[in-house]
Amino acid sequence: MGFGGNMQKMMKQVQKMQADMARLQDELGNINVEGSAGGGTVQVVSNCHQEIKQVKIDKSVIDPEDAELLEDLVLTAVNDALNKSKETSAQEMEKITGGMKLPGMF
């Protein structure tokens, strides 16, 4: 099985990896992560496509006199959720790529 056989084997591996990556892209939309702030008084759920799916705010942090605190908590919780979604996506991708760094991927 000379060079051509090795090349053919490598191309099959690349095609399998591409198919696995496409499948993972679909699955990431169904994987949810939760970010929080203020000891859980503000919770944000995001999927691994970095789409915000849900925001929960405990009534105890709603103070009309201090809207800035609530804004900060929401911002912190959103960023926490998005960071977790990036980490989860990277971990899932690493399962497919075996840790290879592929340009333009996540």
PDB file of N, CA and C in Angstrom:
ATOM      1  N   MET A   1       0.863  -1.181   0.000  1.00  0.00           N
ATOM      2  CA  MET A   1       0.000   0.000   0.000  1.00  0.00           C
ATOM      3  C   MET A   1       0.898   1.229   0.000  1.00  0.00           C
ATOM      4  N   GLY A   2       1.340   1.728  -1.059  1.00  0.00           N
ATOM      5  CA  GLY A   2       2.296   2.815  -1.128  1.00  0.00           C
ATOM      6  C   GLY A   2       1.732   4.144  -0.674  1.00  0.00           C
ATOM      7  N   PHE A   3       2.293   5.190  -1.197  1.00  0.00           N
ATOM      8  CA  PHE A   3       1.911   6.560  -0.837  1.00  0.00           C
ATOM      9  C   PHE A   3       0.435   6.813  -1.076  1.00  0.00           C
ATOM     10  N   GLY A   4      -0.081   6.302  -2.186  1.00  0.00           N
ATOM     11  CA  GLY A   4      -1.493   6.499  -2.517  1.00  0.00           C
ATOM     12  C   GLY A   4      -2.423   5.922  -1.474  1.00  0.00           C
ATOM     13  N   GLY A   5      -2.061   4.772  -0.923  1.00  0.00           N
ATOM     14  CA  GLY A   5      -2.875   4.151   0.120  1.00  0.00           C
ATOM     15  C   GLY A   5      -2.889   4.977   1.387  1.00  0.00           C
ATOM     16  N   ASN A   6      -1.732   5.524   1.746  1.00  0.00           N
ATOM     17  CA  ASN A   6      -1.652   6.377   2.936  1.00  0.00           C
ATOM     18  C   ASN A   6      -2.458   7.658   2.733  1.00  0.00           C
ATOM     19  N   MET A   7      -2.376   8.207   1.541  1.00  0.00           N
ATOM     20  CA  MET A   7      -3.110   9.432   1.231  1.00  0.00           C
ATOM     21  C   MET A   7      -4.610   9.180   1.292  1.00  0.00           C
ATOM     22  N   GLN A   8      -5.027   8.040   0.759  1.00  0.00           N
ATOM     23  CA  GLN A   8      -6.441   7.697   0.770  1.00  0.00           C
ATOM     24  C   GLN A   8      -6.925   7.516   2.216  1.00  0.00           C
ATOM     25  N   LYS A   9      -6.120   6.871   3.039  1.00  0.00           N
ATOM     26  CA  LYS A   9      -6.470   6.671   4.447  1.00  0.00           C
ATOM     27  C   LYS A   9      -6.575   8.018   5.163  1.00  0.00           C
ATOM     28  N   MET A  10      -5.630   8.894   4.883  1.00  0.00           N
ATOM     29  CA  MET A  10      -5.637  10.215   5.507  1.00  0.00           C
ATOM     30  C   MET A  10      -6.873  11.009   5.071  1.00  0.00           C
ATOM     31  N   MET A  11      -7.240  10.930   3.807  1.00  0.00           N
ATOM     32  CA  MET A  11      -8.409  11.650   3.307  1.00  0.00           C
ATOM     33  C   MET A  11      -9.685  11.127   3.978  1.00  0.00           C
ATOM     34  N   LYS A  12      -9.773   9.829   4.217  1.00  0.00           N
ATOM     35  CA  LYS A  12     -10.935   9.275   4.909  1.00  0.00           C
ATOM     36  C   LYS A  12     -11.000   9.804   6.346  1.00  0.00           C
ATOM     37  N   GLN A  13      -9.838   9.906   6.988  1.00  0.00           N
ATOM     38  CA  GLN A  13      -9.797  10.424   8.348  1.00  0.00           C
ATOM     39  C   GLN A  13     -10.237  11.887   8.382  1.00  0.00           C
ATOM     40  N   VAL A  14      -9.788  12.665   7.405  1.00  0.00           N
ATOM     41  CA  VAL A  14     -10.167  14.079   7.325  1.00  0.00           C
ATOM     42  C   VAL A  14     -11.674  14.197   7.087  1.00  0.00           C
ATOM     43  N   GLN A  15     -12.215  13.383   6.197  1.00  0.00           N
ATOM     44  CA  GLN A  15     -13.650  13.415   5.924  1.00  0.00           C
ATOM     45  C   GLN A  15     -14.462  13.035   7.165  1.00  0.00           C
ATOM     46  N   LYS A  16     -13.982  12.048   7.927  1.00  0.00           N
ATOM     47  CA  LYS A  16     -14.673  11.651   9.153  1.00  0.00           C
ATOM     48  C   LYS A  16     -14.633  12.797  10.156  1.00  0.00           C
ATOM     49  N   MET A  17     -13.480  13.450  10.280  1.00  0.00           N
ATOM     50  CA  MET A  17     -13.358  14.561  11.211  1.00  0.00           C
ATOM     51  C   MET A  17     -14.292  15.696  10.801  1.00  0.00           C
ATOM     52  N   GLN A  18     -14.385  15.972   9.507  1.00  0.00           N
ATOM     53  CA  GLN A  18     -15.289  17.018   9.033  1.00  0.00           C
ATOM     54  C   GLN A  18     -16.739  16.670   9.360  1.00  0.00           C
ATOM     55  N   ALA A  19     -17.117  15.425   9.165  1.00  0.00           N
ATOM     56  CA  ALA A  19     -18.482  14.997   9.469  1.00  0.00           C
ATOM     57  C   ALA A  19     -18.751  15.100  10.967  1.00  0.00           C
ATOM     58  N   ASP A  20     -17.771  14.694  11.774  1.00  0.00           N
ATOM     59  CA  ASP A  20     -17.916  14.789  13.228  1.00  0.00           C
ATOM     60  C   ASP A  20     -18.039  16.243  13.673  1.00  0.00           C
ATOM     61  N   MET A  21     -17.280  17.127  13.045  1.00  0.00           N
ATOM     62  CA  MET A  21     -17.325  18.546  13.399  1.00  0.00           C
ATOM     63  C   MET A  21     -18.674  19.150  13.018  1.00  0.00           C
ATOM     64  N   ALA A  22     -19.209  18.771  11.879  1.00  0.00           N
ATOM     65  CA  ALA A  22     -20.528  19.269  11.465  1.00  0.00           C
ATOM     66  C   ALA A  22     -21.609  18.778  12.428  1.00  0.00           C
ATOM     67  N   ARG A  23     -21.521  17.506  12.837  1.00  0.00           N
ATOM     68  CA  ARG A  23     -22.477  16.950  13.791  1.00  0.00           C
ATOM     69  C   ARG A  23     -22.364  17.690  15.119  1.00  0.00           C
ATOM     70  N   LEU A  24     -21.137  17.964  15.547  1.00  0.00           N
ATOM     71  CA  LEU A  24     -20.927  18.670  16.810  1.00  0.00           C
ATOM     72  C   LEU A  24     -21.522  20.071  16.751  1.00  0.00           C
ATOM     73  N   GLN A  25     -21.370  20.756  15.639  1.00  0.00           N
ATOM     74  CA  GLN A  25     -21.948  22.097  15.498  1.00  0.00           C
ATOM     75  C   GLN A  25     -23.447  22.067  15.767  1.00  0.00           C
ATOM     76  N   ASP A  26     -24.118  21.062  15.230  1.00  0.00           N
ATOM     77  CA  ASP A  26     -25.555  20.924  15.480  1.00  0.00           C
ATOM     78  C   ASP A  26     -25.824  20.646  16.955  1.00  0.00           C
ATOM     79  N   GLU A  27     -25.044  19.754  17.543  1.00  0.00           N
ATOM     80  CA  GLU A  27     -25.254  19.373  18.937  1.00  0.00           C
ATOM     81  C   GLU A  27     -24.993  20.534  19.900  1.00  0.00           C
ATOM     82  N   LEU A  28     -24.051  21.405  19.564  1.00  0.00           N
ATOM     83  CA  LEU A  28     -23.718  22.515  20.457  1.00  0.00           C
ATOM     84  C   LEU A  28     -24.913  23.435  20.700  1.00  0.00           C
ATOM     85  N   GLY A  29     -25.801  23.500  19.749  1.00  0.00           N
ATOM     86  CA  GLY A  29     -27.001  24.313  19.920  1.00  0.00           C
ATOM     87  C   GLY A  29     -27.941  23.755  20.985  1.00  0.00           C
ATOM     88  N   ASN A  30     -27.752  22.485  21.324  1.00  0.00           N
ATOM     89  CA  ASN A  30     -28.602  21.837  22.321  1.00  0.00           C
ATOM     90  C   ASN A  30     -27.921  21.702  23.682  1.00  0.00           C
ATOM     91  N   ILE A  31     -26.675  22.117  23.782  1.00  0.00           N
ATOM     92  CA  ILE A  31     -25.954  22.053  25.052  1.00  0.00           C
ATOM     93  C   ILE A  31     -26.087  23.408  25.735  1.00  0.00           C
ATOM     94  N   ASN A  32     -26.692  23.404  26.908  1.00  0.00           N
ATOM     95  CA  ASN A  32     -26.891  24.641  27.664  1.00  0.00           C
ATOM     96  C   ASN A  32     -25.923  24.729  28.832  1.00  0.00           C
ATOM     97  N   VAL A  33     -25.474  25.936  29.110  1.00  0.00           N
ATOM     98  CA  VAL A  33     -24.636  26.225  30.270  1.00  0.00           C
ATOM     99  C   VAL A  33     -25.276  27.379  31.018  1.00  0.00           C
ATOM    100  N   GLU A  34     -24.954  27.486  32.294  1.00  0.00           N
ATOM    101  CA  GLU A  34     -25.540  28.542  33.104  1.00  0.00           C
ATOM    102  C   GLU A  34     -24.443  29.406  33.706  1.00  0.00           C
ATOM    103  N   GLY A  35     -24.629  30.704  33.568  1.00  0.00           N
ATOM    104  CA  GLY A  35     -23.767  31.663  34.235  1.00  0.00           C
ATOM    105  C   GLY A  35     -24.562  32.335  35.332  1.00  0.00           C
ATOM    106  N   SER A  36     -23.857  32.804  36.347  1.00  0.00           N
ATOM    107  CA  SER A  36     -24.578  33.460  37.430  1.00  0.00           C
ATOM    108  C   SER A  36     -23.741  34.572  38.032  1.00  0.00           C
ATOM    109  N   ALA A  37     -24.413  35.409  38.811  1.00  0.00           N
ATOM    110  CA  ALA A  37     -23.748  36.506  39.518  1.00  0.00           C
ATOM    111  C   ALA A  37     -24.539  36.778  40.793  1.00  0.00           C
ATOM    112  N   GLY A  38     -23.909  37.459  41.708  1.00  0.00           N
ATOM    113  CA  GLY A  38     -24.587  37.838  42.942  1.00  0.00           C
ATOM    114  C   GLY A  38     -25.028  36.633  43.759  1.00  0.00           C
ATOM    115  N   GLY A  39     -24.163  35.615  43.798  1.00  0.00           N
ATOM    116  CA  GLY A  39     -24.511  34.429  44.562  1.00  0.00           C
ATOM    117  C   GLY A  39     -25.714  33.685  44.016  1.00  0.00           C
ATOM    118  N   GLY A  40     -25.924  33.796  42.713  1.00  0.00           N
ATOM    119  CA  GLY A  40     -27.039  33.097  42.080  1.00  0.00           C
ATOM    120  C   GLY A  40     -28.313  33.912  41.980  1.00  0.00           C
ATOM    121  N   THR A  41     -28.259  35.182  42.404  1.00  0.00           N
ATOM    122  CA  THR A  41     -29.466  36.012  42.321  1.00  0.00           C
ATOM    123  C   THR A  41     -29.800  36.369  40.876  1.00  0.00           C
ATOM    124  N   VAL A  42     -28.797  36.334  40.013  1.00  0.00           N
ATOM    125  CA  VAL A  42     -29.024  36.522  38.575  1.00  0.00           C
ATOM    126  C   VAL A  42     -28.416  35.317  37.870  1.00  0.00           C
ATOM    127  N   GLN A  43     -29.234  34.635  37.074  1.00  0.00           N
ATOM    128  CA  GLN A  43     -28.788  33.455  36.345  1.00  0.00           C
ATOM    129  C   GLN A  43     -29.112  33.638  34.866  1.00  0.00           C
ATOM    130  N   VAL A  44     -28.158  33.231  34.034  1.00  0.00           N
ATOM    131  CA  VAL A  44     -28.325  33.333  32.586  1.00  0.00           C
ATOM    132  C   VAL A  44     -27.993  31.985  31.976  1.00  0.00           C
ATOM    133  N   VAL A  45     -28.884  31.496  31.121  1.00  0.00           N
ATOM    134  CA  VAL A  45     -28.660  30.240  30.418  1.00  0.00           C
ATOM    135  C   VAL A  45     -28.346  30.575  28.959  1.00  0.00           C
ATOM    136  N   SER A  46     -27.266  29.975  28.470  1.00  0.00           N
ATOM    137  CA  SER A  46     -26.843  30.148  27.087  1.00  0.00           C
ATOM    138  C   SER A  46     -26.606  28.769  26.491  1.00  0.00           C
ATOM    139  N   ASN A  47     -26.826  28.643  25.185  1.00  0.00           N
ATOM    140  CA  ASN A  47     -26.407  27.400  24.551  1.00  0.00           C
ATOM    141  C   ASN A  47     -24.977  27.594  24.052  1.00  0.00           C
ATOM    142  N   CYS A  48     -24.397  26.550  23.499  1.00  0.00           N
ATOM    143  CA  CYS A  48     -23.003  26.643  23.060  1.00  0.00           C
ATOM    144  C   CYS A  48     -22.860  27.248  21.668  1.00  0.00           C
ATOM    145  N   HIS A  49     -23.953  27.793  21.151  1.00  0.00           N
ATOM    146  CA  HIS A  49     -23.878  28.670  19.981  1.00  0.00           C
ATOM    147  C   HIS A  49     -23.826  30.116  20.453  1.00  0.00           C
ATOM    148  N   GLN A  50     -23.717  30.280  21.749  1.00  0.00           N
ATOM    149  CA  GLN A  50     -23.650  31.576  22.413  1.00  0.00           C
ATOM    150  C   GLN A  50     -24.913  32.397  22.207  1.00  0.00           C
ATOM    151  N   GLU A  51     -26.037  31.708  22.257  1.00  0.00           N
ATOM    152  CA  GLU A  51     -27.345  32.360  22.221  1.00  0.00           C
ATOM    153  C   GLU A  51     -27.911  32.340  23.638  1.00  0.00           C
ATOM    154  N   ILE A  52     -28.320  33.489  24.127  1.00  0.00           N
ATOM    155  CA  ILE A  52     -28.912  33.566  25.456  1.00  0.00           C
ATOM    156  C   ILE A  52     -30.315  32.984  25.373  1.00  0.00           C
ATOM    157  N   LYS A  53     -30.592  31.995  26.219  1.00  0.00           N
ATOM    158  CA  LYS A  53     -31.867  31.300  26.186  1.00  0.00           C
ATOM    159  C   LYS A  53     -32.793  31.701  27.320  1.00  0.00           C
ATOM    160  N   GLN A  54     -32.211  32.127  28.439  1.00  0.00           N
ATOM    161  CA  GLN A  54     -33.060  32.431  29.586  1.00  0.00           C
ATOM    162  C   GLN A  54     -32.299  33.346  30.550  1.00  0.00           C
ATOM    163  N   VAL A  55     -33.036  34.248  31.172  1.00  0.00           N
ATOM    164  CA  VAL A  55     -32.492  35.118  32.218  1.00  0.00           C
ATOM    165  C   VAL A  55     -33.437  35.036  33.408  1.00  0.00           C
ATOM    166  N   LYS A  56     -32.876  34.739  34.582  1.00  0.00           N
ATOM    167  CA  LYS A  56     -33.670  34.694  35.809  1.00  0.00           C
ATOM    168  C   LYS A  56     -33.082  35.718  36.783  1.00  0.00           C
ATOM    169  N   ILE A  57     -33.957  36.548  37.341  1.00  0.00           N
ATOM    170  CA  ILE A  57     -33.522  37.583  38.287  1.00  0.00           C
ATOM    171  C   ILE A  57     -34.346  37.436  39.556  1.00  0.00           C
ATOM    172  N   ASP A  58     -33.663  37.228  40.664  1.00  0.00           N
ATOM    173  CA  ASP A  58     -34.326  37.146  41.963  1.00  0.00           C
ATOM    174  C   ASP A  58     -34.869  38.524  42.319  1.00  0.00           C
ATOM    175  N   LYS A  59     -36.070  38.569  42.800  1.00  0.00           N
ATOM    176  CA  LYS A  59     -36.717  39.844  43.136  1.00  0.00           C
ATOM    177  C   LYS A  59     -35.933  40.649  44.172  1.00  0.00           C
ATOM    178  N   SER A  60     -35.131  39.964  44.964  1.00  0.00           N
ATOM    179  CA  SER A  60     -34.380  40.660  46.018  1.00  0.00           C
ATOM    180  C   SER A  60     -33.352  41.645  45.471  1.00  0.00           C
ATOM    181  N   VAL A  61     -32.955  41.502  44.209  1.00  0.00           N
ATOM    182  CA  VAL A  61     -31.950  42.416  43.653  1.00  0.00           C
ATOM    183  C   VAL A  61     -32.584  43.487  42.761  1.00  0.00           C
ATOM    184  N   ILE A  62     -33.897  43.530  42.712  1.00  0.00           N
ATOM    185  CA  ILE A  62     -34.578  44.566  41.917  1.00  0.00           C
ATOM    186  C   ILE A  62     -34.865  45.750  42.831  1.00  0.00           C
ATOM    187  N   ASP A  63     -34.055  46.763  42.655  1.00  0.00           N
ATOM    188  CA  ASP A  63     -34.184  47.984  43.462  1.00  0.00           C
ATOM    189  C   ASP A  63     -34.232  49.165  42.495  1.00  0.00           C
ATOM    190  N   PRO A  64     -35.398  49.813  42.364  1.00  0.00           N
ATOM    191  CA  PRO A  64     -35.517  50.943  41.427  1.00  0.00           C
ATOM    192  C   PRO A  64     -34.509  52.061  41.729  1.00  0.00           C
ATOM    193  N   GLU A  65     -34.040  52.126  42.943  1.00  0.00           N
ATOM    194  CA  GLU A  65     -33.074  53.158  43.308  1.00  0.00           C
ATOM    195  C   GLU A  65     -31.642  52.776  42.955  1.00  0.00           C
ATOM    196  N   ASP A  66     -31.428  51.503  42.589  1.00  0.00           N
ATOM    197  CA  ASP A  66     -30.068  51.044  42.287  1.00  0.00           C
ATOM    198  C   ASP A  66     -30.075  50.148  41.052  1.00  0.00           C
ATOM    199  N   ALA A  67     -30.532  50.696  39.945  1.00  0.00           N
ATOM    200  CA  ALA A  67     -30.592  49.941  38.694  1.00  0.00           C
ATOM    201  C   ALA A  67     -29.196  49.520  38.241  1.00  0.00           C
ATOM    202  N   GLU A  68     -28.192  50.314  38.572  1.00  0.00           N
ATOM    203  CA  GLU A  68     -26.820  50.025  38.146  1.00  0.00           C
ATOM    204  C   GLU A  68     -26.331  48.686  38.711  1.00  0.00           C
ATOM    205  N   LEU A  69     -26.683  48.366  39.942  1.00  0.00           N
ATOM    206  CA  LEU A  69     -26.297  47.087  40.529  1.00  0.00           C
ATOM    207  C   LEU A  69     -26.884  45.936  39.718  1.00  0.00           C
ATOM    208  N   LEU A  70     -28.157  46.014  39.392  1.00  0.00           N
ATOM    209  CA  LEU A  70     -28.799  44.959  38.609  1.00  0.00           C
ATOM    210  C   LEU A  70     -28.169  44.847  37.221  1.00  0.00           C
ATOM    211  N   GLU A  71     -27.884  45.981  36.604  1.00  0.00           N
ATOM    212  CA  GLU A  71     -27.226  45.967  35.290  1.00  0.00           C
ATOM    213  C   GLU A  71     -25.881  45.254  35.377  1.00  0.00           C
ATOM    214  N   ASP A  72     -25.105  45.545  36.410  1.00  0.00           N
ATOM    215  CA  ASP A  72     -23.799  44.905  36.592  1.00  0.00           C
ATOM    216  C   ASP A  72     -23.942  43.404  36.801  1.00  0.00           C
ATOM    217  N   LEU A  73     -24.934  43.001  37.599  1.00  0.00           N
ATOM    218  CA  LEU A  73     -25.156  41.581  37.849  1.00  0.00           C
ATOM    219  C   LEU A  73     -25.544  40.852  36.569  1.00  0.00           C
ATOM    220  N   VAL A  74     -26.426  41.451  35.777  1.00  0.00           N
ATOM    221  CA  VAL A  74     -26.850  40.834  34.517  1.00  0.00           C
ATOM    222  C   VAL A  74     -25.653  40.724  33.568  1.00  0.00           C
ATOM    223  N   LEU A  75     -24.883  41.780  33.458  1.00  0.00           N
ATOM    224  CA  LEU A  75     -23.711  41.767  32.588  1.00  0.00           C
ATOM    225  C   LEU A  75     -22.723  40.683  33.012  1.00  0.00           C
ATOM    226  N   THR A  76     -22.478  40.582  34.309  1.00  0.00           N
ATOM    227  CA  THR A  76     -21.552  39.568  34.818  1.00  0.00           C
ATOM    228  C   THR A  76     -22.073  38.160  34.538  1.00  0.00           C
ATOM    229  N   ALA A  77     -23.360  37.928  34.766  1.00  0.00           N
ATOM    230  CA  ALA A  77     -23.947  36.608  34.535  1.00  0.00           C
ATOM    231  C   ALA A  77     -23.920  36.243  33.049  1.00  0.00           C
ATOM    232  N   VAL A  78     -24.202  37.200  32.172  1.00  0.00           N
ATOM    233  CA  VAL A  78     -24.160  36.941  30.727  1.00  0.00           C
ATOM    234  C   VAL A  78     -22.741  36.575  30.305  1.00  0.00           C
ATOM    235  N   ASN A  79     -21.771  37.345  30.747  1.00  0.00           N
ATOM    236  CA  ASN A  79     -20.383  37.044  30.386  1.00  0.00           C
ATOM    237  C   ASN A  79     -19.944  35.697  30.938  1.00  0.00           C
ATOM    238  N   ASP A  80     -20.387  35.346  32.136  1.00  0.00           N
ATOM    239  CA  ASP A  80     -20.074  34.047  32.720  1.00  0.00           C
ATOM    240  C   ASP A  80     -20.648  32.928  31.860  1.00  0.00           C
ATOM    241  N   ALA A  81     -21.897  33.070  31.452  1.00  0.00           N
ATOM    242  CA  ALA A  81     -22.536  32.049  30.614  1.00  0.00           C
ATOM    243  C   ALA A  81     -21.830  31.926  29.264  1.00  0.00           C
ATOM    244  N   LEU A  82     -21.495  33.041  28.652  1.00  0.00           N
ATOM    245  CA  LEU A  82     -20.836  32.993  27.348  1.00  0.00           C
ATOM    246  C   LEU A  82     -19.442  32.381  27.449  1.00  0.00           C
ATOM    247  N   ASN A  83     -18.714  32.703  28.506  1.00  0.00           N
ATOM    248  CA  ASN A  83     -17.392  32.104  28.707  1.00  0.00           C
ATOM    249  C   ASN A  83     -17.508  30.597  28.902  1.00  0.00           C
ATOM    250  N   LYS A  84     -18.498  30.166  29.665  1.00  0.00           N
ATOM    251  CA  LYS A  84     -18.703  28.731  29.867  1.00  0.00           C
ATOM    252  C   LYS A  84     -19.088  28.047  28.560  1.00  0.00           C
ATOM    253  N   SER A  85     -19.858  28.737  27.725  1.00  0.00           N
ATOM    254  CA  SER A  85     -20.240  28.126  26.446  1.00  0.00           C
ATOM    255  C   SER A  85     -19.016  27.972  25.544  1.00  0.00           C
ATOM    256  N   LYS A  86     -18.124  28.946  25.562  1.00  0.00           N
ATOM    257  CA  LYS A  86     -16.884  28.843  24.782  1.00  0.00           C
ATOM    258  C   LYS A  86     -16.022  27.689  25.278  1.00  0.00           C
ATOM    259  N   GLU A  87     -15.885  27.581  26.602  1.00  0.00           N
ATOM    260  CA  GLU A  87     -15.080  26.505  27.185  1.00  0.00           C
ATOM    261  C   GLU A  87     -15.665  25.143  26.844  1.00  0.00           C
ATOM    262  N   THR A  88     -16.975  25.012  26.952  1.00  0.00           N
ATOM    263  CA  THR A  88     -17.639  23.744  26.649  1.00  0.00           C
ATOM    264  C   THR A  88     -17.466  23.395  25.180  1.00  0.00           C
ATOM    265  N   SER A  89     -17.629  24.373  24.303  1.00  0.00           N
ATOM    266  CA  SER A  89     -17.445  24.140  22.869  1.00  0.00           C
ATOM    267  C   SER A  89     -16.024  23.672  22.576  1.00  0.00           C
ATOM    268  N   ALA A  90     -15.046  24.330  23.192  1.00  0.00           N
ATOM    269  CA  ALA A  90     -13.649  23.959  22.974  1.00  0.00           C
ATOM    270  C   ALA A  90     -13.372  22.546  23.476  1.00  0.00           C
ATOM    271  N   GLN A  91     -13.935  22.183  24.623  1.00  0.00           N
ATOM    272  CA  GLN A  91     -13.749  20.840  25.164  1.00  0.00           C
ATOM    273  C   GLN A  91     -14.370  19.790  24.248  1.00  0.00           C
ATOM    274  N   GLU A  92     -15.550  20.078  23.740  1.00  0.00           N
ATOM    275  CA  GLU A  92     -16.216  19.138  22.837  1.00  0.00           C
ATOM    276  C   GLU A  92     -15.443  19.007  21.526  1.00  0.00           C
ATOM    277  N   MET A  93     -14.916  20.107  21.025  1.00  0.00           N
ATOM    278  CA  MET A  93     -14.150  20.074  19.783  1.00  0.00           C
ATOM    279  C   MET A  93     -12.848  19.289  19.980  1.00  0.00           C
ATOM    280  N   GLU A  94     -12.244  19.432  21.153  1.00  0.00           N
ATOM    281  CA  GLU A  94     -10.990  18.727  21.427  1.00  0.00           C
ATOM    282  C   GLU A  94     -11.193  17.217  21.387  1.00  0.00           C
ATOM    283  N   LYS A  95     -12.383  16.761  21.754  1.00  0.00           N
ATOM    284  CA  LYS A  95     -12.682  15.333  21.683  1.00  0.00           C
ATOM    285  C   LYS A  95     -12.587  14.829  20.245  1.00  0.00           C
ATOM    286  N   ILE A  96     -12.929  15.687  19.303  1.00  0.00           N
ATOM    287  CA  ILE A  96     -12.908  15.303  17.888  1.00  0.00           C
ATOM    288  C   ILE A  96     -11.513  15.468  17.297  1.00  0.00           C
ATOM    289  N   THR A  97     -10.867  16.595  17.623  1.00  0.00           N
ATOM    290  CA  THR A  97      -9.587  16.904  16.987  1.00  0.00           C
ATOM    291  C   THR A  97      -8.395  16.295  17.715  1.00  0.00           C
ATOM    292  N   GLY A  98      -8.633  15.747  18.893  1.00  0.00           N
ATOM    293  CA  GLY A  98      -7.530  15.180  19.652  1.00  0.00           C
ATOM    294  C   GLY A  98      -6.549  16.229  20.126  1.00  0.00           C
ATOM    295  N   GLY A  99      -7.012  17.444  20.270  1.00  0.00           N
ATOM    296  CA  GLY A  99      -6.158  18.524  20.761  1.00  0.00           C
ATOM    297  C   GLY A  99      -5.424  19.288  19.668  1.00  0.00           C
ATOM    298  N   MET A 100      -5.596  18.869  18.400  1.00  0.00           N
ATOM    299  CA  MET A 100      -4.963  19.617  17.306  1.00  0.00           C
ATOM    300  C   MET A 100      -5.571  21.002  17.235  1.00  0.00           C
ATOM    301  N   LYS A 101      -4.754  22.007  17.050  1.00  0.00           N
ATOM    302  CA  LYS A 101      -5.245  23.370  16.890  1.00  0.00           C
ATOM    303  C   LYS A 101      -5.522  23.604  15.418  1.00  0.00           C
ATOM    304  N   LEU A 102      -6.805  23.763  15.100  1.00  0.00           N
ATOM    305  CA  LEU A 102      -7.196  23.992  13.712  1.00  0.00           C
ATOM    306  C   LEU A 102      -7.569  25.458  13.539  1.00  0.00           C
ATOM    307  N   PRO A 103      -6.917  26.161  12.629  1.00  0.00           N
ATOM    308  CA  PRO A 103      -7.209  27.578  12.438  1.00  0.00           C
ATOM    309  C   PRO A 103      -8.677  27.804  12.089  1.00  0.00           C
ATOM    310  N   GLY A 104      -9.248  28.835  12.710  1.00  0.00           N
ATOM    311  CA  GLY A 104     -10.624  29.202  12.399  1.00  0.00           C
ATOM    312  C   GLY A 104     -11.677  28.373  13.096  1.00  0.00           C
ATOM    313  N   MET A 105     -11.265  27.443  13.941  1.00  0.00           N
ATOM    314  CA  MET A 105     -12.232  26.599  14.638  1.00  0.00           C
ATOM    315  C   MET A 105     -12.320  27.067  16.079  1.00  0.00           C
ATOM    316  N   PHE A 106     -13.465  27.549  16.478  1.00  0.00           N
ATOM    317  CA  PHE A 106     -13.760  27.959  17.850  1.00  0.00           C
ATOM    318  C   PHE A 106     -12.653  28.811  18.413  1.00  0.00           C
TER     319      PHE A 106
END
